[in-house]
Amino acid sequence: MSQELMWLTLTVAMTAMFWIPYVLNRMAVRGLAGTLANPSVDAPAQSQWAERAINAHRNAVENLILFAALVLTAHVMGLSNGITQTACAVYFFARLAHFVVYAMGVPGLRTLAFAAGFGAQIALAVTILGASPT
């Protein structure tokens, strides 16, 4: 498995687990029955950090689509080099940091983490677009 596919797999697995903290908060606030019930406007509000975690999870899923498309395009093209490998690792850690600082409510660091992930996507896209056709 290439380094890029390994980082993609780790990123997918991490993103797939981002729902756990806010569902645990929902259980703490609403109880098990309230968590399993249909959504209701009368349900108690979740903690603010959990609401931010929900938004961070949504953002991670939205950006994962772009990241995965870039990684898979590079893989199909046979592109693997220091730039693509580093970009994939940076993306993983940037998205982890983004989730944590978003849930904690640290807007400046959240923006920097998002920008680092976006920069990694740009690095992948530029590498793909600059590759000579085979």
C-alpha atoms as a PDB file:
ATOM      1  CA  MET A   1       0.000   0.000   0.000  1.00  0.00           C
ATOM      2  CA  SER A   2       1.348   3.430  -0.885  1.00  0.00           C
ATOM      3  CA  GLN A   3       1.908   6.065   1.795  1.00  0.00           C
ATOM      4  CA  GLU A   4      -0.834   8.180   0.226  1.00  0.00           C
ATOM      5  CA  LEU A   5      -3.377   5.355   0.414  1.00  0.00           C
ATOM      6  CA  MET A   6      -2.327   4.602   3.997  1.00  0.00           C
ATOM      7  CA  TRP A   7      -2.924   8.256   5.006  1.00  0.00           C
ATOM      8  CA  LEU A   8      -6.239   8.253   3.144  1.00  0.00           C
ATOM      9  CA  THR A   9      -7.318   5.117   4.985  1.00  0.00           C
ATOM     10  CA  LEU A  10      -6.272   6.572   8.344  1.00  0.00           C
ATOM     11  CA  THR A  11      -8.095   9.807   7.546  1.00  0.00           C
ATOM     12  CA  VAL A  12     -11.268   7.933   6.593  1.00  0.00           C
ATOM     13  CA  ALA A  13     -11.095   5.858   9.791  1.00  0.00           C
ATOM     14  CA  MET A  14     -10.501   8.953  11.918  1.00  0.00           C
ATOM     15  CA  THR A  15     -13.350  10.858  10.267  1.00  0.00           C
ATOM     16  CA  ALA A  16     -15.613   7.854  10.764  1.00  0.00           C
ATOM     17  CA  MET A  17     -15.014   8.101  14.534  1.00  0.00           C
ATOM     18  CA  PHE A  18     -15.628  11.841  14.906  1.00  0.00           C
ATOM     19  CA  TRP A  19     -19.310  11.206  15.716  1.00  0.00           C
ATOM     20  CA  ILE A  20     -18.487   9.338  18.939  1.00  0.00           C
ATOM     21  CA  PRO A  21     -17.798  12.314  21.264  1.00  0.00           C
ATOM     22  CA  TYR A  22     -20.964  14.191  20.400  1.00  0.00           C
ATOM     23  CA  VAL A  23     -23.150  11.091  20.626  1.00  0.00           C
ATOM     24  CA  LEU A  24     -21.692  10.375  24.065  1.00  0.00           C
ATOM     25  CA  ASN A  25     -22.603  13.942  25.034  1.00  0.00           C
ATOM     26  CA  ARG A  26     -26.095  13.412  23.652  1.00  0.00           C
ATOM     27  CA  MET A  27     -26.406  10.324  25.852  1.00  0.00           C
ATOM     28  CA  ALA A  28     -25.221  12.306  28.883  1.00  0.00           C
ATOM     29  CA  VAL A  29     -27.694  15.124  28.194  1.00  0.00           C
ATOM     30  CA  ARG A  30     -30.714  13.196  26.907  1.00  0.00           C
ATOM     31  CA  GLY A  31     -30.164   9.700  28.256  1.00  0.00           C
ATOM     32  CA  LEU A  32     -30.059   6.538  26.197  1.00  0.00           C
ATOM     33  CA  ALA A  33     -33.768   6.644  25.320  1.00  0.00           C
ATOM     34  CA  GLY A  34     -33.534  10.285  24.247  1.00  0.00           C
ATOM     35  CA  THR A  35     -30.473   9.531  22.138  1.00  0.00           C
ATOM     36  CA  LEU A  36     -32.219   6.664  20.367  1.00  0.00           C
ATOM     37  CA  ALA A  37     -35.514   8.575  19.928  1.00  0.00           C
ATOM     38  CA  ASN A  38     -36.480  10.459  16.806  1.00  0.00           C
ATOM     39  CA  PRO A  39     -35.144  14.019  16.649  1.00  0.00           C
ATOM     40  CA  SER A  40     -37.324  16.464  18.534  1.00  0.00           C
ATOM     41  CA  VAL A  41     -37.349  20.228  18.942  1.00  0.00           C
ATOM     42  CA  ASP A  42     -38.239  19.626  22.601  1.00  0.00           C
ATOM     43  CA  ALA A  43     -35.068  17.607  23.268  1.00  0.00           C
ATOM     44  CA  PRO A  44     -32.548  19.191  25.626  1.00  0.00           C
ATOM     45  CA  ALA A  45     -29.771  21.037  23.847  1.00  0.00           C
ATOM     46  CA  GLN A  46     -26.374  19.422  23.709  1.00  0.00           C
ATOM     47  CA  SER A  47     -23.303  21.008  25.240  1.00  0.00           C
ATOM     48  CA  GLN A  48     -21.773  23.799  23.163  1.00  0.00           C
ATOM     49  CA  TRP A  49     -18.595  21.779  22.598  1.00  0.00           C
ATOM     50  CA  ALA A  50     -20.700  18.896  21.264  1.00  0.00           C
ATOM     51  CA  GLU A  51     -22.524  21.220  18.864  1.00  0.00           C
ATOM     52  CA  ARG A  52     -19.139  22.423  17.619  1.00  0.00           C
ATOM     53  CA  ALA A  53     -17.977  18.790  17.309  1.00  0.00           C
ATOM     54  CA  ILE A  54     -21.010  18.042  15.128  1.00  0.00           C
ATOM     55  CA  ASN A  55     -20.051  20.946  12.868  1.00  0.00           C
ATOM     56  CA  ALA A  56     -16.406  19.838  12.803  1.00  0.00           C
ATOM     57  CA  HIS A  57     -17.508  16.336  11.812  1.00  0.00           C
ATOM     58  CA  ARG A  58     -19.641  17.694   8.975  1.00  0.00           C
ATOM     59  CA  ASN A  59     -16.743  19.830   7.787  1.00  0.00           C
ATOM     60  CA  ALA A  60     -14.398  16.831   7.923  1.00  0.00           C
ATOM     61  CA  VAL A  61     -16.781  14.748   5.801  1.00  0.00           C
ATOM     62  CA  GLU A  62     -17.189  17.556   3.251  1.00  0.00           C
ATOM     63  CA  ASN A  63     -13.427  17.945   2.885  1.00  0.00           C
ATOM     64  CA  LEU A  64     -12.751  14.205   2.914  1.00  0.00           C
ATOM     65  CA  ILE A  65     -14.541  13.933  -0.420  1.00  0.00           C
ATOM     66  CA  LEU A  66     -12.064  16.340  -2.005  1.00  0.00           C
ATOM     67  CA  PHE A  67      -9.041  14.799  -0.311  1.00  0.00           C
ATOM     68  CA  ALA A  68     -10.024  11.270  -1.318  1.00  0.00           C
ATOM     69  CA  ALA A  69     -10.582  12.309  -4.935  1.00  0.00           C
ATOM     70  CA  LEU A  70      -7.131  13.899  -5.064  1.00  0.00           C
ATOM     71  CA  VAL A  71      -5.370  10.946  -3.435  1.00  0.00           C
ATOM     72  CA  LEU A  72      -7.121   8.435  -5.680  1.00  0.00           C
ATOM     73  CA  THR A  73      -6.361  10.519  -8.785  1.00  0.00           C
ATOM     74  CA  ALA A  74      -2.680  10.656  -7.825  1.00  0.00           C
ATOM     75  CA  HIS A  75      -2.712   6.893  -7.197  1.00  0.00           C
ATOM     76  CA  VAL A  76      -4.297   6.101 -10.565  1.00  0.00           C
ATOM     77  CA  MET A  77      -1.732   8.348 -12.252  1.00  0.00           C
ATOM     78  CA  GLY A  78       1.099   6.564 -10.431  1.00  0.00           C
ATOM     79  CA  LEU A  79       2.143   9.758  -8.632  1.00  0.00           C
ATOM     80  CA  SER A  80       3.934   9.180  -5.364  1.00  0.00           C
ATOM     81  CA  ASN A  81       6.719  11.415  -4.181  1.00  0.00           C
ATOM     82  CA  GLY A  82       7.799  13.433  -1.188  1.00  0.00           C
ATOM     83  CA  ILE A  83       5.245  16.131  -1.908  1.00  0.00           C
ATOM     84  CA  THR A  84       2.262  13.793  -2.184  1.00  0.00           C
ATOM     85  CA  GLN A  85       3.310  11.748   0.830  1.00  0.00           C
ATOM     86  CA  THR A  86       3.909  14.812   2.989  1.00  0.00           C
ATOM     87  CA  ALA A  87       0.683  16.458   1.845  1.00  0.00           C
ATOM     88  CA  CYS A  88      -1.306  13.384   2.858  1.00  0.00           C
ATOM     89  CA  ALA A  89       0.316  13.222   6.299  1.00  0.00           C
ATOM     90  CA  VAL A  90      -0.193  16.964   6.821  1.00  0.00           C
ATOM     91  CA  TYR A  91      -3.846  16.618   5.818  1.00  0.00           C
ATOM     92  CA  PHE A  92      -4.417  13.867   8.398  1.00  0.00           C
ATOM     93  CA  PHE A  93      -2.895  15.823  11.278  1.00  0.00           C
ATOM     94  CA  ALA A  94      -4.490  19.098  10.174  1.00  0.00           C
ATOM     95  CA  ARG A  95      -7.933  17.514  10.183  1.00  0.00           C
ATOM     96  CA  LEU A  96      -7.313  15.940  13.598  1.00  0.00           C
ATOM     97  CA  ALA A  97      -6.210  19.319  14.957  1.00  0.00           C
ATOM     98  CA  HIS A  98      -9.187  21.012  13.278  1.00  0.00           C
ATOM     99  CA  PHE A  99     -11.654  18.678  14.974  1.00  0.00           C
ATOM    100  CA  VAL A 100     -10.065  19.101  18.403  1.00  0.00           C
ATOM    101  CA  VAL A 101      -9.703  22.881  18.337  1.00  0.00           C
ATOM    102  CA  TYR A 102     -13.127  23.359  16.729  1.00  0.00           C
ATOM    103  CA  ALA A 103     -14.769  21.297  19.486  1.00  0.00           C
ATOM    104  CA  MET A 104     -12.770  23.249  22.088  1.00  0.00           C
ATOM    105  CA  GLY A 105     -13.943  26.533  20.584  1.00  0.00           C
ATOM    106  CA  VAL A 106     -10.569  27.984  19.572  1.00  0.00           C
ATOM    107  CA  PRO A 107     -11.374  29.947  16.393  1.00  0.00           C
ATOM    108  CA  GLY A 108      -7.875  31.142  15.452  1.00  0.00           C
ATOM    109  CA  LEU A 109      -6.300  27.701  15.705  1.00  0.00           C
ATOM    110  CA  ARG A 110      -9.331  26.183  13.994  1.00  0.00           C
ATOM    111  CA  THR A 111      -8.749  28.441  10.997  1.00  0.00           C
ATOM    112  CA  LEU A 112      -5.026  27.622  10.897  1.00  0.00           C
ATOM    113  CA  ALA A 113      -5.725  23.885  11.054  1.00  0.00           C
ATOM    114  CA  PHE A 114      -8.292  24.203   8.272  1.00  0.00           C
ATOM    115  CA  ALA A 115      -5.830  26.220   6.180  1.00  0.00           C
ATOM    116  CA  ALA A 116      -3.125  23.571   6.655  1.00  0.00           C
ATOM    117  CA  GLY A 117      -5.502  20.880   5.397  1.00  0.00           C
ATOM    118  CA  PHE A 118      -6.538  23.066   2.477  1.00  0.00           C
ATOM    119  CA  GLY A 119      -2.886  23.708   1.665  1.00  0.00           C
ATOM    120  CA  ALA A 120      -2.268  19.965   1.589  1.00  0.00           C
ATOM    121  CA  GLN A 121      -5.130  19.575  -0.877  1.00  0.00           C
ATOM    122  CA  ILE A 122      -3.685  22.344  -3.041  1.00  0.00           C
ATOM    123  CA  ALA A 123      -0.257  20.658  -2.977  1.00  0.00           C
ATOM    124  CA  LEU A 124      -1.845  17.427  -4.202  1.00  0.00           C
ATOM    125  CA  ALA A 125      -3.832  19.218  -6.908  1.00  0.00           C
ATOM    126  CA  VAL A 126      -0.803  21.160  -8.159  1.00  0.00           C
ATOM    127  CA  THR A 127       1.276  17.983  -8.249  1.00  0.00           C
ATOM    128  CA  ILE A 128      -1.447  16.178 -10.214  1.00  0.00           C
ATOM    129  CA  LEU A 129      -1.925  19.050 -12.637  1.00  0.00           C
ATOM    130  CA  GLY A 130       1.818  19.434 -13.129  1.00  0.00           C
ATOM    131  CA  ALA A 131       2.393  15.767 -13.887  1.00  0.00           C
ATOM    132  CA  SER A 132       3.315  14.953 -17.424  1.00  0.00           C
ATOM    133  CA  PRO A 133       0.924  12.545 -19.131  1.00  0.00           C
ATOM    134  CA  THR A 134       2.098   8.956 -19.371  1.00  0.00           C
END
